[in-house]
């Protein structure tokens, strides 16, 4: 009787816990059992492993084979355990050497031909393997992704036979040394947007402080154009931010490509998306759109068309920057520090406030359309502005506005000021940090008292106005928040615009 132990990795949220693949050859009728809470994909690996071993020229043992995936209480899913199971069977039957297995970890899905196919979560697993001091053997196709874990030893292979030859010492796998070639991305330029000075300014303020933004206006006024130009004015991600975003995206099949490393994500789910698609879920839990937009932009077009239940799940992530998905057996915690850009029409027909088209909605219908977005959710959106229809002169004769490069330079300077002062964007300030960073003049305090009384600002809204005012001051290079900064921040709440159709939190 033979026993072997092969190391692999599971996936639980952003963590990749160690999984010991124990293979045992026993007496009795030939059989092949996999135990240790395997999901359907893992149970089906028996046939893939058998075919791959025989195709590679080895003998599949005619013994009673038991494979245990430990720890037993951790659910095991996906085909990543095919390769470690195959190596465990071959090592337990004495067909490959087992002395080097203690220094290696394995993951990979096997084709019936023995070819290794791509797996998800390679980056997260490689990080953990490197911390344990082991080299990682995985499919060649995901090696560029895994290589983003600096200083990790990655041994890419194309087939089961190559892995066995490496263990036998006849053809050693060479450590991966490639560097992904970054994609040169040309974002749409902000100068393409004609007119809309207020909306352009709000977009700049949102980018400078990582604030959420809601654009409301008739169809064709430039709301979507503005949202798609947000990525072009944001500063580059730091290496730690890029690694966090890449690790999350690697957990979702097809969501990450190594050459896109360092590019801010722009996620734009359709309004028919479910709550699970937005926040994540499943068994085991996987990240949703808000986590895939981590350190990037989440654009929700036609905001009132989303199910109200779906929109309400945004409340906690907008405040905390994280989402915890709870299931009966376990929890998964994903970061979700995204920049929300939302767009909506002023009414169901879309033409309330349009310069030329006539609105067919009654006042009650207009109010009902805006009421689809709850007050508590609106209260968490920092900037809420109207994007009116353009006049003929604005549309045809207005000169091009500032380019994305010019605006981005100011955004980068403002973000640098915030990083030096408090180590985070202004949108994440709270409590004493906010009080210290947004030190206000007496005139500002008087203005805010009046605003709280007349506009009925909540405590949360008051804090968000101060954060936006602090960002406006940073764009100007001012050390203190002035009444002008606070007044502009109040303008972006939407409640101070006389013709606004945006539903205020207390209306």
Foldseek 3Di string as FASTA:
>chain_A
DFKAWAWAWADFFLATDIKIKIKAFDADFFDEEEAQQEDPQVRVLVQLLCLLCVLLPHDQDRTHMYIYIPPSLDHHDDQFCSLVNSVRRCCRVPNFPRPCRVQEHGTFHAGSNQFTDDDFLLQSRQLVSVVVRHAYEHAPVCLLLNPLNDPHWYFHDGGSNQVRCCRRVNHNGDTDDDHAAADDDDFDKQLVQFDQPVLLVVLLLCQLQVAAEEEEEFPPLCQVVSQSCSQLQHDWDDSVQLSLLSSQLSQDPPRDDSNNRRRQDEAEDALADDLCQAAFCDVVTHGHPQLNRRVHEYEYEAVLSHQLVSLVVVLVCLQPQKDWDDDPSDIHIGGRSHRYYYYHAQFPVRCVQAPPDDDPDDPVRSLVSLVSHALSSLLSHQFYDYRYHDDPCRVPPGRGDDISVVSSVLSVQSNVVVCVQPNHRLSNDDDPRLCVQAVEDPVQVVVLVVCCVPVVRDPSSSSSLSSSLSSVCSSVPHRYRYNVSSVSSVVRSQSPDPPGSNDHSVD
